C-alpha atoms as a PDB file:
ATOM      1  CA  MET A   1     119.211  -1.461 -21.186  1.00  0.00           C
ATOM      2  CA  LYS A   2     118.352  -4.476 -23.304  1.00  0.00           C
ATOM      3  CA  VAL A   3     116.874  -7.606 -21.717  1.00  0.00           C
ATOM      4  CA  LEU A   4     116.945 -11.178 -22.988  1.00  0.00           C
ATOM      5  CA  VAL A   5     113.997 -13.272 -21.798  1.00  0.00           C
ATOM      6  CA  THR A   6     114.365 -17.008 -22.359  1.00  0.00           C
ATOM      7  CA  GLY A   7     111.225 -19.136 -22.477  1.00  0.00           C
ATOM      8  CA  SER A   8     109.211 -16.168 -23.758  1.00  0.00           C
ATOM      9  CA  SER A   9     106.395 -18.377 -25.046  1.00  0.00           C
ATOM     10  CA  GLY A  10     105.839 -19.873 -21.586  1.00  0.00           C
ATOM     11  CA  HIS A  11     103.788 -18.612 -18.646  1.00  0.00           C
ATOM     12  CA  LEU A  12     106.443 -16.556 -16.897  1.00  0.00           C
ATOM     13  CA  GLY A  13     108.375 -15.596 -20.008  1.00  0.00           C
ATOM     14  CA  GLU A  14     105.272 -14.118 -21.620  1.00  0.00           C
ATOM     15  CA  ALA A  15     104.333 -12.332 -18.393  1.00  0.00           C
ATOM     16  CA  LEU A  16     107.798 -10.766 -18.210  1.00  0.00           C
ATOM     17  CA  MET A  17     107.686  -9.721 -21.860  1.00  0.00           C
ATOM     18  CA  ARG A  18     104.250  -8.134 -21.381  1.00  0.00           C
ATOM     19  CA  VAL A  19     105.418  -6.056 -18.417  1.00  0.00           C
ATOM     20  CA  LEU A  20     108.746  -5.093 -19.989  1.00  0.00           C
ATOM     21  CA  ARG A  21     106.928  -3.866 -23.094  1.00  0.00           C
ATOM     22  CA  THR A  22     104.475  -1.913 -20.951  1.00  0.00           C
ATOM     23  CA  ARG A  23     107.439  -0.217 -19.294  1.00  0.00           C
ATOM     24  CA  GLN A  24     108.945   0.425 -22.737  1.00  0.00           C
ATOM     25  CA  ILE A  25     112.070  -1.574 -21.907  1.00  0.00           C
ATOM     26  CA  ASP A  26     113.869  -3.079 -24.893  1.00  0.00           C
ATOM     27  CA  ALA A  27     113.405  -6.840 -24.557  1.00  0.00           C
ATOM     28  CA  VAL A  28     114.080  -9.844 -26.788  1.00  0.00           C
ATOM     29  CA  GLY A  29     112.176 -13.073 -26.240  1.00  0.00           C
ATOM     30  CA  VAL A  30     113.641 -16.437 -27.253  1.00  0.00           C
ATOM     31  CA  ASP A  31     111.918 -19.817 -27.252  1.00  0.00           C
ATOM     32  CA  ILE A  32     111.622 -23.020 -29.251  1.00  0.00           C
ATOM     33  CA  LEU A  33     107.917 -22.286 -29.760  1.00  0.00           C
ATOM     34  CA  PRO A  34     106.534 -19.283 -31.648  1.00  0.00           C
ATOM     35  CA  SER A  35     104.396 -16.670 -29.901  1.00  0.00           C
ATOM     36  CA  PRO A  36     103.671 -12.936 -30.128  1.00  0.00           C
ATOM     37  CA  TYR A  37     106.298 -12.464 -27.400  1.00  0.00           C
ATOM     38  CA  THR A  38     109.055 -14.510 -29.024  1.00  0.00           C
ATOM     39  CA  GLY A  39     111.290 -12.578 -31.392  1.00  0.00           C
ATOM     40  CA  LEU A  40     113.953 -15.252 -31.936  1.00  0.00           C
ATOM     41  CA  LEU A  41     113.055 -18.895 -32.487  1.00  0.00           C
ATOM     42  CA  GLY A  42     115.624 -21.439 -31.367  1.00  0.00           C
ATOM     43  CA  SER A  43     116.977 -23.539 -28.532  1.00  0.00           C
ATOM     44  CA  ILE A  44     119.238 -22.451 -25.697  1.00  0.00           C
ATOM     45  CA  THR A  45     120.977 -25.813 -26.126  1.00  0.00           C
ATOM     46  CA  ASP A  46     122.418 -24.401 -29.372  1.00  0.00           C
ATOM     47  CA  ARG A  47     125.472 -22.317 -28.425  1.00  0.00           C
ATOM     48  CA  ASN A  48     125.499 -20.509 -31.781  1.00  0.00           C
ATOM     49  CA  PHE A  49     121.845 -19.502 -31.367  1.00  0.00           C
ATOM     50  CA  VAL A  50     122.558 -18.234 -27.864  1.00  0.00           C
ATOM     51  CA  ARG A  51     125.552 -16.269 -29.124  1.00  0.00           C
ATOM     52  CA  GLU A  52     123.475 -14.599 -31.838  1.00  0.00           C
ATOM     53  CA  SER A  53     120.685 -13.835 -29.352  1.00  0.00           C
ATOM     54  CA  MET A  54     123.042 -12.019 -26.965  1.00  0.00           C
ATOM     55  CA  SER A  55     123.896  -9.109 -29.236  1.00  0.00           C
ATOM     56  CA  GLY A  56     123.620  -5.898 -27.193  1.00  0.00           C
ATOM     57  CA  ILE A  57     122.040  -7.670 -24.196  1.00  0.00           C
ATOM     58  CA  THR A  58     122.705  -6.139 -20.767  1.00  0.00           C
ATOM     59  CA  HIS A  59     120.414  -8.278 -18.587  1.00  0.00           C
ATOM     60  CA  VAL A  60     119.270 -11.902 -18.825  1.00  0.00           C
ATOM     61  CA  LEU A  61     116.022 -13.236 -17.338  1.00  0.00           C
ATOM     62  CA  HIS A  62     116.418 -16.998 -17.767  1.00  0.00           C
ATOM     63  CA  THR A  63     113.038 -18.702 -17.354  1.00  0.00           C
ATOM     64  CA  ALA A  64     113.340 -21.384 -20.079  1.00  0.00           C
ATOM     65  CA  THR A  65     113.277 -24.885 -18.631  1.00  0.00           C
ATOM     66  CA  LEU A  66     111.870 -28.348 -18.798  1.00  0.00           C
ATOM     67  CA  HIS A  67     109.406 -28.588 -15.895  1.00  0.00           C
ATOM     68  CA  LYS A  68     108.347 -31.359 -13.546  1.00  0.00           C
ATOM     69  CA  PRO A  69     105.436 -32.504 -15.811  1.00  0.00           C
ATOM     70  CA  HIS A  70     107.988 -33.050 -18.596  1.00  0.00           C
ATOM     71  CA  VAL A  71     109.448 -35.937 -16.578  1.00  0.00           C
ATOM     72  CA  LEU A  72     106.689 -38.033 -18.156  1.00  0.00           C
ATOM     73  CA  THR A  73     107.333 -36.862 -21.733  1.00  0.00           C
ATOM     74  CA  HIS A  74     111.070 -36.112 -21.972  1.00  0.00           C
ATOM     75  CA  SER A  75     114.242 -38.112 -21.397  1.00  0.00           C
ATOM     76  CA  ARG A  76     116.754 -37.450 -18.645  1.00  0.00           C
ATOM     77  CA  GLN A  77     119.231 -36.403 -21.337  1.00  0.00           C
ATOM     78  CA  GLN A  78     116.801 -33.763 -22.593  1.00  0.00           C
ATOM     79  CA  PHE A  79     116.562 -32.366 -19.056  1.00  0.00           C
ATOM     80  CA  ILE A  80     120.361 -32.206 -18.871  1.00  0.00           C
ATOM     81  CA  ASP A  81     120.591 -30.580 -22.301  1.00  0.00           C
ATOM     82  CA  THR A  82     117.995 -27.880 -21.592  1.00  0.00           C
ATOM     83  CA  ASN A  83     118.316 -27.194 -17.890  1.00  0.00           C
ATOM     84  CA  ILE A  84     122.079 -27.586 -17.474  1.00  0.00           C
ATOM     85  CA  THR A  85     123.754 -27.160 -20.865  1.00  0.00           C
ATOM     86  CA  GLY A  86     121.304 -24.432 -21.880  1.00  0.00           C
ATOM     87  CA  THR A  87     122.041 -22.512 -18.687  1.00  0.00           C
ATOM     88  CA  LEU A  88     125.785 -22.982 -19.176  1.00  0.00           C
ATOM     89  CA  ASN A  89     125.548 -21.611 -22.726  1.00  0.00           C
ATOM     90  CA  LEU A  90     123.726 -18.528 -21.463  1.00  0.00           C
ATOM     91  CA  LEU A  91     126.171 -17.965 -18.607  1.00  0.00           C
ATOM     92  CA  GLU A  92     129.223 -18.254 -20.859  1.00  0.00           C
ATOM     93  CA  GLU A  93     127.796 -15.893 -23.460  1.00  0.00           C
ATOM     94  CA  SER A  94     126.689 -13.486 -20.722  1.00  0.00           C
ATOM     95  CA  LEU A  95     130.266 -13.373 -19.492  1.00  0.00           C
ATOM     96  CA  LEU A  96     131.592 -12.697 -22.983  1.00  0.00           C
ATOM     97  CA  ASN A  97     129.042  -9.896 -23.461  1.00  0.00           C
ATOM     98  CA  ASP A  98     129.627  -8.159 -20.106  1.00  0.00           C
ATOM     99  CA  VAL A  99     126.040  -8.744 -19.017  1.00  0.00           C
ATOM    100  CA  ARG A 100     125.199  -6.761 -15.879  1.00  0.00           C
ATOM    101  CA  SER A 101     122.757  -9.232 -14.321  1.00  0.00           C
ATOM    102  CA  PHE A 102     121.767 -12.850 -14.805  1.00  0.00           C
ATOM    103  CA  ILE A 103     118.500 -13.818 -13.121  1.00  0.00           C
ATOM    104  CA  TYR A 104     117.830 -17.536 -13.017  1.00  0.00           C
ATOM    105  CA  THR A 105     114.308 -18.816 -12.421  1.00  0.00           C
ATOM    106  CA  SER A 106     114.582 -21.936 -10.295  1.00  0.00           C
ATOM    107  CA  THR A 107     111.989 -23.755  -8.226  1.00  0.00           C
ATOM    108  CA  THR A 108     111.142 -24.791  -4.702  1.00  0.00           C
ATOM    109  CA  SER A 109     110.884 -28.319  -6.144  1.00  0.00           C
ATOM    110  CA  THR A 110     114.667 -28.574  -5.807  1.00  0.00           C
ATOM    111  CA  PHE A 111     114.161 -29.142  -2.078  1.00  0.00           C
ATOM    112  CA  GLY A 112     112.589 -32.489  -2.958  1.00  0.00           C
ATOM    113  CA  ASP A 113     112.344 -34.899  -0.067  1.00  0.00           C
ATOM    114  CA  ALA A 114     113.150 -32.111   2.409  1.00  0.00           C
ATOM    115  CA  LEU A 115     109.589 -30.871   1.771  1.00  0.00           C
ATOM    116  CA  THR A 116     107.838 -33.946   3.128  1.00  0.00           C
ATOM    117  CA  PRO A 117     108.421 -34.622   6.831  1.00  0.00           C
ATOM    118  CA  ASP A 118     107.290 -37.789   8.535  1.00  0.00           C
ATOM    119  CA  ARG A 119     103.557 -37.932   9.224  1.00  0.00           C
ATOM    120  CA  HIS A 120     104.069 -37.389  12.933  1.00  0.00           C
ATOM    121  CA  ALA A 121     106.823 -34.774  12.618  1.00  0.00           C
ATOM    122  CA  PRO A 122     106.279 -30.994  12.533  1.00  0.00           C
ATOM    123  CA  ALA A 123     105.756 -29.332   9.162  1.00  0.00           C
ATOM    124  CA  ALA A 124     108.961 -28.371   7.342  1.00  0.00           C
ATOM    125  CA  TRP A 125     110.157 -24.765   7.633  1.00  0.00           C
ATOM    126  CA  ILE A 126     111.630 -24.084   4.194  1.00  0.00           C
ATOM    127  CA  THR A 127     114.185 -21.296   3.849  1.00  0.00           C
ATOM    128  CA  GLU A 128     117.052 -20.838   1.408  1.00  0.00           C
ATOM    129  CA  GLU A 129     119.315 -22.613   3.908  1.00  0.00           C
ATOM    130  CA  VAL A 130     117.527 -25.958   3.563  1.00  0.00           C
ATOM    131  CA  ILE A 131     119.733 -28.440   1.705  1.00  0.00           C
ATOM    132  CA  PRO A 132     118.035 -29.748  -1.465  1.00  0.00           C
ATOM    133  CA  ILE A 133     117.304 -33.461  -1.710  1.00  0.00           C
ATOM    134  CA  PRO A 134     116.114 -33.742  -5.340  1.00  0.00           C
ATOM    135  CA  LYS A 135     113.792 -36.635  -6.058  1.00  0.00           C
ATOM    136  CA  ASN A 136     113.677 -36.548  -9.860  1.00  0.00           C
ATOM    137  CA  ILE A 137     115.727 -35.412 -12.859  1.00  0.00           C
ATOM    138  CA  TYR A 138     113.934 -32.067 -12.827  1.00  0.00           C
ATOM    139  CA  GLY A 139     115.162 -31.281  -9.316  1.00  0.00           C
ATOM    140  CA  VAL A 140     118.662 -32.571 -10.049  1.00  0.00           C
ATOM    141  CA  THR A 141     119.104 -30.413 -13.148  1.00  0.00           C
ATOM    142  CA  LYS A 142     117.640 -27.254 -11.595  1.00  0.00           C
ATOM    143  CA  THR A 143     119.962 -27.659  -8.596  1.00  0.00           C
ATOM    144  CA  ALA A 144     122.943 -28.166 -10.912  1.00  0.00           C
ATOM    145  CA  ALA A 145     122.016 -25.022 -12.849  1.00  0.00           C
ATOM    146  CA  GLU A 146     121.864 -23.062  -9.574  1.00  0.00           C
ATOM    147  CA  ASP A 147     125.384 -24.291  -8.816  1.00  0.00           C
ATOM    148  CA  LEU A 148     126.565 -23.129 -12.234  1.00  0.00           C
ATOM    149  CA  CYS A 149     125.215 -19.654 -11.487  1.00  0.00           C
ATOM    150  CA  GLN A 150     127.071 -19.599  -8.189  1.00  0.00           C
ATOM    151  CA  LEU A 151     130.267 -20.763  -9.912  1.00  0.00           C
ATOM    152  CA  PHE A 152     130.107 -17.964 -12.495  1.00  0.00           C
ATOM    153  CA  TYR A 153     129.684 -15.403  -9.745  1.00  0.00           C
ATOM    154  CA  ARG A 154     132.438 -16.909  -7.610  1.00  0.00           C
ATOM    155  CA  ASN A 155     134.999 -17.284 -10.389  1.00  0.00           C
ATOM    156  CA  HIS A 156     134.018 -14.499 -12.796  1.00  0.00           C
ATOM    157  CA  GLN A 157     131.998 -11.996 -10.691  1.00  0.00           C
ATOM    158  CA  LEU A 158     128.981 -12.316 -12.993  1.00  0.00           C
ATOM    159  CA  PRO A 159     126.081 -11.002 -10.868  1.00  0.00           C
ATOM    160  CA  CYS A 160     123.650 -13.936 -10.572  1.00  0.00           C
ATOM    161  CA  LEU A 161     120.482 -14.082  -8.500  1.00  0.00           C
ATOM    162  CA  ILE A 162     118.415 -17.250  -8.226  1.00  0.00           C
ATOM    163  CA  LEU A 163     114.670 -17.019  -7.685  1.00  0.00           C
ATOM    164  CA  LYS A 164     113.213 -20.249  -6.339  1.00  0.00           C
ATOM    165  CA  THR A 165     109.568 -19.823  -7.267  1.00  0.00           C
ATOM    166  CA  SER A 166     106.691 -21.765  -5.791  1.00  0.00           C
ATOM    167  CA  ARG A 167     103.611 -22.703  -7.836  1.00  0.00           C
ATOM    168  CA  PHE A 168     102.185 -20.014 -10.092  1.00  0.00           C
ATOM    169  CA  PHE A 169     100.921 -22.031 -13.063  1.00  0.00           C
ATOM    170  CA  PRO A 170      97.142 -22.107 -13.657  1.00  0.00           C
ATOM    171  CA  GLU A 171      96.924 -25.769 -14.664  1.00  0.00           C
ATOM    172  CA  ALA A 172      95.209 -28.271 -12.381  1.00  0.00           C
ATOM    173  CA  ASP A 173      97.224 -30.122  -9.748  1.00  0.00           C
ATOM    174  CA  ASP A 174      99.147 -33.066 -11.193  1.00  0.00           C
ATOM    175  CA  ASP A 175      98.287 -35.176  -8.133  1.00  0.00           C
ATOM    176  CA  PRO A 176      95.082 -37.002  -9.161  1.00  0.00           C
ATOM    177  CA  ASP A 177      94.017 -37.478  -5.531  1.00  0.00           C
ATOM    178  CA  ILE A 178      94.087 -33.704  -4.966  1.00  0.00           C
ATOM    179  CA  ALA A 179      92.574 -32.853  -8.346  1.00  0.00           C
ATOM    180  CA  ASN A 180      89.702 -35.288  -7.833  1.00  0.00           C
ATOM    181  CA  SER A 181      88.974 -34.312  -4.234  1.00  0.00           C
ATOM    182  CA  TYR A 182      88.943 -30.511  -4.411  1.00  0.00           C
ATOM    183  CA  ALA A 183      87.720 -27.872  -6.840  1.00  0.00           C
ATOM    184  CA  ASP A 184      90.645 -26.299  -8.674  1.00  0.00           C
ATOM    185  CA  GLU A 185      90.176 -22.806  -7.173  1.00  0.00           C
ATOM    186  CA  ASN A 186      89.865 -24.422  -3.752  1.00  0.00           C
ATOM    187  CA  VAL A 187      93.252 -26.104  -4.218  1.00  0.00           C
ATOM    188  CA  LYS A 188      94.922 -22.874  -5.270  1.00  0.00           C
ATOM    189  CA  ALA A 189      93.352 -20.884  -2.415  1.00  0.00           C
ATOM    190  CA  ASN A 190      94.640 -23.455   0.082  1.00  0.00           C
ATOM    191  CA  GLU A 191      98.116 -23.284  -1.446  1.00  0.00           C
ATOM    192  CA  TYR A 192      98.371 -19.531  -0.875  1.00  0.00           C
ATOM    193  CA  LEU A 193      98.801 -20.370   2.796  1.00  0.00           C
ATOM    194  CA  TYR A 194     102.151 -22.051   2.192  1.00  0.00           C
ATOM    195  CA  ARG A 195     103.207 -22.890  -1.403  1.00  0.00           C
ATOM    196  CA  ARG A 196     101.725 -20.652  -4.147  1.00  0.00           C
ATOM    197  CA  VAL A 197     102.404 -17.237  -5.644  1.00  0.00           C
ATOM    198  CA  ASP A 198     100.664 -15.127  -8.294  1.00  0.00           C
ATOM    199  CA  ILE A 199     102.548 -14.580 -11.533  1.00  0.00           C
ATOM    200  CA  GLU A 200     102.275 -10.793 -11.119  1.00  0.00           C
ATOM    201  CA  ASP A 201     104.257 -11.039  -7.894  1.00  0.00           C
ATOM    202  CA  VAL A 202     106.781 -13.362  -9.579  1.00  0.00           C
ATOM    203  CA  VAL A 203     107.358 -10.787 -12.327  1.00  0.00           C
ATOM    204  CA  LYS A 204     107.882  -8.063  -9.711  1.00  0.00           C
ATOM    205  CA  ALA A 205     110.499 -10.234  -7.998  1.00  0.00           C
ATOM    206  CA  HIS A 206     112.384 -10.764 -11.273  1.00  0.00           C
ATOM    207  CA  LEU A 207     112.468  -7.057 -12.107  1.00  0.00           C
ATOM    208  CA  LEU A 208     113.655  -6.177  -8.602  1.00  0.00           C
ATOM    209  CA  ALA A 209     116.328  -8.874  -8.835  1.00  0.00           C
ATOM    210  CA  MET A 210     117.494  -7.441 -12.160  1.00  0.00           C
ATOM    211  CA  GLU A 211     117.832  -4.006 -10.553  1.00  0.00           C
ATOM    212  CA  LYS A 212     119.670  -5.227  -7.458  1.00  0.00           C
ATOM    213  CA  ALA A 213     121.883  -7.988  -8.886  1.00  0.00           C
ATOM    214  CA  THR A 214     124.996  -5.836  -9.300  1.00  0.00           C
ATOM    215  CA  GLU A 215     124.733  -4.613  -5.711  1.00  0.00           C
ATOM    216  CA  ILE A 216     124.031  -8.059  -4.228  1.00  0.00           C
ATOM    217  CA  GLY A 217     126.293 -10.167  -6.460  1.00  0.00           C
ATOM    218  CA  PHE A 218     124.877 -13.587  -5.691  1.00  0.00           C
ATOM    219  CA  GLY A 219     121.884 -14.844  -3.753  1.00  0.00           C
ATOM    220  CA  LYS A 220     119.083 -17.365  -3.656  1.00  0.00           C
ATOM    221  CA  TYR A 221     115.542 -16.267  -2.843  1.00  0.00           C
ATOM    222  CA  ILE A 222     112.314 -18.133  -2.198  1.00  0.00           C
ATOM    223  CA  ILE A 223     109.525 -16.445  -4.142  1.00  0.00           C
ATOM    224  CA  SER A 224     106.222 -17.487  -2.601  1.00  0.00           C
ATOM    225  CA  ALA A 225     103.205 -15.685  -1.155  1.00  0.00           C
ATOM    226  CA  SER A 226     103.720 -14.471   2.407  1.00  0.00           C
ATOM    227  CA  SER A 227     102.570 -17.111   4.860  1.00  0.00           C
ATOM    228  CA  PRO A 228     101.005 -16.181   8.206  1.00  0.00           C
ATOM    229  CA  PHE A 229     102.632 -19.069  10.035  1.00  0.00           C
ATOM    230  CA  GLY A 230     105.580 -19.086  12.399  1.00  0.00           C
ATOM    231  CA  LYS A 231     107.857 -21.896  13.567  1.00  0.00           C
ATOM    232  CA  HIS A 232     105.660 -22.311  16.632  1.00  0.00           C
ATOM    233  CA  ASP A 233     102.811 -23.453  14.337  1.00  0.00           C
ATOM    234  CA  LEU A 234     104.701 -26.256  12.601  1.00  0.00           C
ATOM    235  CA  LYS A 235     103.760 -29.088  14.945  1.00  0.00           C
ATOM    236  CA  ASP A 236     100.045 -28.322  14.786  1.00  0.00           C
ATOM    237  CA  LEU A 237     100.009 -27.589  11.042  1.00  0.00           C
ATOM    238  CA  ASN A 238     100.994 -31.149  10.219  1.00  0.00           C
ATOM    239  CA  LYS A 239      98.283 -32.503  12.535  1.00  0.00           C
ATOM    240  CA  ASN A 240      95.312 -30.135  12.319  1.00  0.00           C
ATOM    241  CA  ALA A 241      95.708 -27.268   9.866  1.00  0.00           C
ATOM    242  CA  PHE A 242      92.126 -26.080  10.421  1.00  0.00           C
ATOM    243  CA  GLN A 243      92.724 -24.934  13.987  1.00  0.00           C
ATOM    244  CA  VAL A 244      95.916 -23.081  13.060  1.00  0.00           C
ATOM    245  CA  VAL A 245      94.357 -21.283  10.099  1.00  0.00           C
ATOM    246  CA  LYS A 246      91.273 -20.398  12.177  1.00  0.00           C
ATOM    247  CA  LYS A 247      93.577 -18.705  14.689  1.00  0.00           C
ATOM    248  CA  TYR A 248      94.948 -16.334  12.032  1.00  0.00           C
ATOM    249  CA  TYR A 249      91.802 -15.952   9.931  1.00  0.00           C
ATOM    250  CA  PRO A 250      88.667 -16.237  12.116  1.00  0.00           C
ATOM    251  CA  ASP A 251      86.469 -15.470   9.094  1.00  0.00           C
ATOM    252  CA  PHE A 252      87.949 -18.087   6.774  1.00  0.00           C
ATOM    253  CA  GLU A 253      85.484 -20.837   7.730  1.00  0.00           C
ATOM    254  CA  GLU A 254      82.515 -18.677   6.752  1.00  0.00           C
ATOM    255  CA  MET A 255      84.164 -17.576   3.499  1.00  0.00           C
ATOM    256  CA  TYR A 256      85.037 -21.156   2.581  1.00  0.00           C
ATOM    257  CA  ALA A 257      81.528 -22.356   3.385  1.00  0.00           C
ATOM    258  CA  LYS A 258      80.119 -19.815   0.907  1.00  0.00           C
ATOM    259  CA  GLN A 259      82.294 -21.321  -1.803  1.00  0.00           C
ATOM    260  CA  GLY A 260      81.758 -24.929  -0.752  1.00  0.00           C
ATOM    261  CA  TRP A 261      85.504 -25.189  -0.225  1.00  0.00           C
ATOM    262  CA  ILE A 262      87.472 -27.399   2.162  1.00  0.00           C
ATOM    263  CA  LEU A 263      90.838 -26.698   3.781  1.00  0.00           C
ATOM    264  CA  PHE A 264      93.518 -29.360   3.454  1.00  0.00           C
ATOM    265  CA  PRO A 265      93.506 -31.361   6.730  1.00  0.00           C
ATOM    266  CA  THR A 266      97.276 -30.999   7.138  1.00  0.00           C
ATOM    267  CA  ILE A 267      99.969 -28.655   5.836  1.00  0.00           C
ATOM    268  CA  GLY A 268     103.377 -30.294   5.704  1.00  0.00           C
ATOM    269  CA  ARG A 269     105.609 -27.369   4.711  1.00  0.00           C
ATOM    270  CA  VAL A 270     105.851 -23.608   4.871  1.00  0.00           C
ATOM    271  CA  TYR A 271     107.844 -21.566   2.336  1.00  0.00           C
ATOM    272  CA  VAL A 272     109.508 -18.575   3.989  1.00  0.00           C
ATOM    273  CA  ASN A 273     109.963 -15.486   1.781  1.00  0.00           C
ATOM    274  CA  GLN A 274     111.589 -13.230   4.392  1.00  0.00           C
ATOM    275  CA  LYS A 275     114.954 -13.004   2.623  1.00  0.00           C
ATOM    276  CA  ALA A 276     113.365 -11.852  -0.660  1.00  0.00           C
ATOM    277  CA  ARG A 277     111.310  -9.238   1.163  1.00  0.00           C
ATOM    278  CA  GLN A 278     114.313  -7.917   3.063  1.00  0.00           C
ATOM    279  CA  GLU A 279     117.040  -7.995   0.410  1.00  0.00           C
ATOM    280  CA  LEU A 280     115.053  -7.421  -2.792  1.00  0.00           C
ATOM    281  CA  GLY A 281     112.419  -5.133  -1.280  1.00  0.00           C
ATOM    282  CA  TRP A 282     109.794  -7.506  -2.669  1.00  0.00           C
ATOM    283  CA  LEU A 283     106.262  -6.991  -1.340  1.00  0.00           C
ATOM    284  CA  PRO A 284     103.932  -9.676  -2.734  1.00  0.00           C
ATOM    285  CA  LYS A 285     100.337  -8.515  -3.075  1.00  0.00           C
ATOM    286  CA  PHE A 286      98.520 -11.815  -3.373  1.00  0.00           C
ATOM    287  CA  ASP A 287      98.209 -13.853  -0.174  1.00  0.00           C
ATOM    288  CA  PHE A 288      95.534 -15.761   1.753  1.00  0.00           C
ATOM    289  CA  ARG A 289      93.998 -12.579   3.148  1.00  0.00           C
ATOM    290  CA  TYR A 290      93.726 -11.261  -0.414  1.00  0.00           C
ATOM    291  CA  ILE A 291      91.924 -14.482  -1.345  1.00  0.00           C
ATOM    292  CA  LEU A 292      89.421 -14.134   1.499  1.00  0.00           C
ATOM    293  CA  ASN A 293      88.784 -10.473   0.658  1.00  0.00           C
ATOM    294  CA  SER A 294      88.174 -11.441  -2.961  1.00  0.00           C
ATOM    295  CA  ILE A 295      85.580 -14.013  -1.886  1.00  0.00           C
ATOM    296  CA  LYS A 296      83.932 -11.419   0.349  1.00  0.00           C
ATOM    297  CA  ASN A 297      83.796  -8.937  -2.525  1.00  0.00           C
ATOM    298  CA  GLY A 298      82.618 -11.489  -5.058  1.00  0.00           C
ATOM    299  CA  THR A 299      85.672 -11.050  -7.283  1.00  0.00           C
ATOM    300  CA  GLY A 300      88.235 -13.470  -8.662  1.00  0.00           C
ATOM    301  CA  PHE A 301      91.531 -13.707  -6.826  1.00  0.00           C
ATOM    302  CA  LYS A 302      94.019 -14.058  -9.661  1.00  0.00           C
ATOM    303  CA  SER A 303      95.803 -11.007 -11.041  1.00  0.00           C
ATOM    304  CA  ALA A 304      94.910  -9.351 -14.321  1.00  0.00           C
ATOM    305  CA  LEU A 305      98.303 -10.440 -15.640  1.00  0.00           C
ATOM    306  CA  ALA A 306      97.562 -14.072 -14.796  1.00  0.00           C
ATOM    307  CA  GLY A 307      94.292 -13.763 -16.710  1.00  0.00           C
ATOM    308  CA  GLU A 308      96.047 -12.259 -19.730  1.00  0.00           C
ATOM    309  CA  VAL A 309      98.687 -14.988 -19.885  1.00  0.00           C
ATOM    310  CA  GLY A 310      96.135 -17.734 -19.295  1.00  0.00           C
ATOM    311  CA  SER A 311      96.719 -21.475 -19.363  1.00  0.00           C
ATOM    312  CA  LYS A 312      99.269 -22.963 -21.720  1.00  0.00           C
ATOM    313  CA  GLY A 313      99.731 -26.567 -20.661  1.00  0.00           C
ATOM    314  CA  TYR A 314     103.210 -27.983 -21.196  1.00  0.00           C
ATOM    315  CA  HIS A 315     104.820 -28.464 -24.573  1.00  0.00           C
ATOM    316  CA  ARG A 316     105.833 -31.941 -25.715  1.00  0.00           C
ATOM    317  CA  LYS A 317     108.643 -30.975 -28.086  1.00  0.00           C
END
């Protein structure tokens, strides 16, 4: 086994490289930025570089991407070059090298406007069946890359699994209203109810996907912390989240008071990870109950791996 990890200088790429090395799995990291986890320096937009990087590779973990914050610093063409052409280069070279699995890291952001129901409507129940309505070039290019993966499985039987990850980055919220109204840890704790996941759990999902890709063939999976909510909660969540959360976690109000934290008044969406749990055998460790237990025990709630990777910001190259 030899694994290619794209974006190895980024949050998830580094986390994957760390764990693969710990497991003594042969792994090659590629990125445009140097790091201790990047063995080959170059761009996935360069077909020749991709070809050279694929020597002996049996599995691809494709995390390299331009992210939503790059919308402010990069052109639409750069998004197309990296997120679409880069993915196409990797898929074509994977096919030529008889790669056994291609795992593509996508995002729940592809759902776009489907994530924000009308103020008076129930919260959105987000599964893999929801049709994406991208609202920026980031969402458009990630959706197109997902379609490329599906095409290569359909036409060439290249095993491709798509992991649509929710938020796992440690940086502060890019919404100034949220960032200015809540402490950063408060924001992240709230998000574990419906739209966040720890990077350790994301890594586990990728490694499971790599193992099961040949058996499954093709699939899309939402990778987000397990939410306590059911469809019957959706109407109330988008009106009065406090009462719904109190029903599931009677002790949360006391725990939050100790921290001086505040729950978001409404929750407008719920990411459903049932398919990933059932088909990949993925059991995420970090959820809202874990957060509350951490507060009770006076410990931090992020994983050791998240602490090791740390904060990186977003490159401007």
